[in-house]
Protein backbone atom coordinates (compact mmCIF):
# COMPACT_ATOMS: atom_id res chain seq x y z
CA MET A 1 0.23 0.03 0.13
CA ASP A 2 1.18 3.38 -0.91
CA LYS A 3 2.50 5.67 2.15
CA TYR A 4 -0.34 8.18 0.84
CA LEU A 5 -3.11 5.78 1.32
CA THR A 6 -1.89 4.26 4.67
CA ILE A 7 -2.16 7.80 6.20
CA LEU A 8 -5.81 8.39 4.60
CA LEU A 9 -6.64 4.86 6.01
CA ILE A 10 -5.44 6.15 9.47
CA PHE A 11 -7.59 9.40 9.36
CA MET A 12 -10.20 7.37 8.15
CA PHE A 13 -9.98 4.95 11.31
CA VAL A 14 -9.59 7.75 13.70
CA GLY A 15 -12.80 9.33 11.84
CA ILE A 16 -14.92 6.30 13.22
CA PRO A 17 -14.45 6.90 16.98
CA ILE A 18 -14.63 10.82 16.54
CA SER A 19 -18.22 9.99 15.25
CA PHE A 20 -19.32 8.80 18.44
CA VAL A 21 -17.42 10.90 21.00
CA SER A 22 -17.27 14.56 21.17
CA PRO A 23 -14.20 15.78 20.96
CA SER A 24 -14.81 19.28 22.95
CA THR A 25 -16.13 17.27 25.88
CA GLY A 26 -15.12 13.78 25.41
CA GLU A 27 -18.29 12.38 26.09
CA LEU A 28 -20.54 10.00 24.12
CA ARG A 29 -22.78 11.85 21.71
CA GLU A 30 -26.46 11.46 22.16
CA TYR A 31 -26.63 11.18 18.36
CA PRO A 32 -23.57 9.95 16.61
CA LEU A 33 -22.47 11.57 13.47
CA LEU A 34 -23.85 8.75 10.91
CA VAL A 35 -22.31 10.87 7.77
CA LEU A 36 -18.74 10.73 9.40
CA PHE A 37 -19.16 7.12 10.48
CA TYR A 38 -20.29 5.64 7.02
CA GLY A 39 -18.26 8.06 5.34
CA SER A 40 -15.14 6.56 7.31
CA ILE A 41 -16.31 3.08 6.46
CA ALA A 42 -16.75 3.84 2.57
CA GLY A 43 -13.47 5.68 2.57
CA ILE A 44 -11.79 2.69 4.10
CA ILE A 45 -13.25 0.15 1.58
CA ILE A 46 -12.39 2.39 -1.34
CA ILE A 47 -8.91 2.69 -0.27
CA ILE A 48 -8.54 -1.10 0.09
CA LEU A 49 -10.25 -1.95 -3.22
CA TYR A 50 -7.95 0.56 -4.96
CA SER A 51 -4.91 -0.55 -3.24
CA SER A 52 -5.51 -4.27 -4.24
CA TYR A 53 -6.28 -3.21 -7.95
CA LYS A 54 -3.06 -0.88 -8.01
CA GLU A 55 -0.92 -4.01 -6.93
CA LYS A 56 -2.79 -6.48 -9.10
CA ASN A 57 -1.64 -4.31 -12.29
CA GLN A 58 2.02 -3.86 -11.01
CA ARG A 59 2.08 -7.68 -10.54
CA ARG A 60 0.73 -8.18 -14.06
CA ALA A 61 3.14 -5.80 -15.44
CA ALA A 62 5.94 -7.48 -13.61
CA ASN A 63 5.01 -10.93 -14.92
CA ALA A 64 4.70 -9.75 -18.34
CA LYS A 65 8.11 -8.24 -18.26
CA ARG A 66 9.33 -11.69 -17.06
CA ARG A 67 7.93 -13.76 -19.59
CA SER A 68 9.30 -11.50 -22.43
CA LYS A 69 12.87 -12.00 -21.26
CA ARG A 70 12.85 -15.35 -21.38
CA SER A 71 11.98 -15.48 -25.11
């Protein structure tokens, strides 16, 4: 995983508890911020899917390069 994607992933994981706890008082919110909660989960899923797609393409290119060297 790219270092930038890792940093974004960490921010997404930090956003989940913030949606349930008020940062100013430290108390649980009566109604959690569901937009932040579900947005963080969606962001995590998108980052993981994009990272796996990118790694798959890199592997495919490396395999094609290796096969072409044998011939």
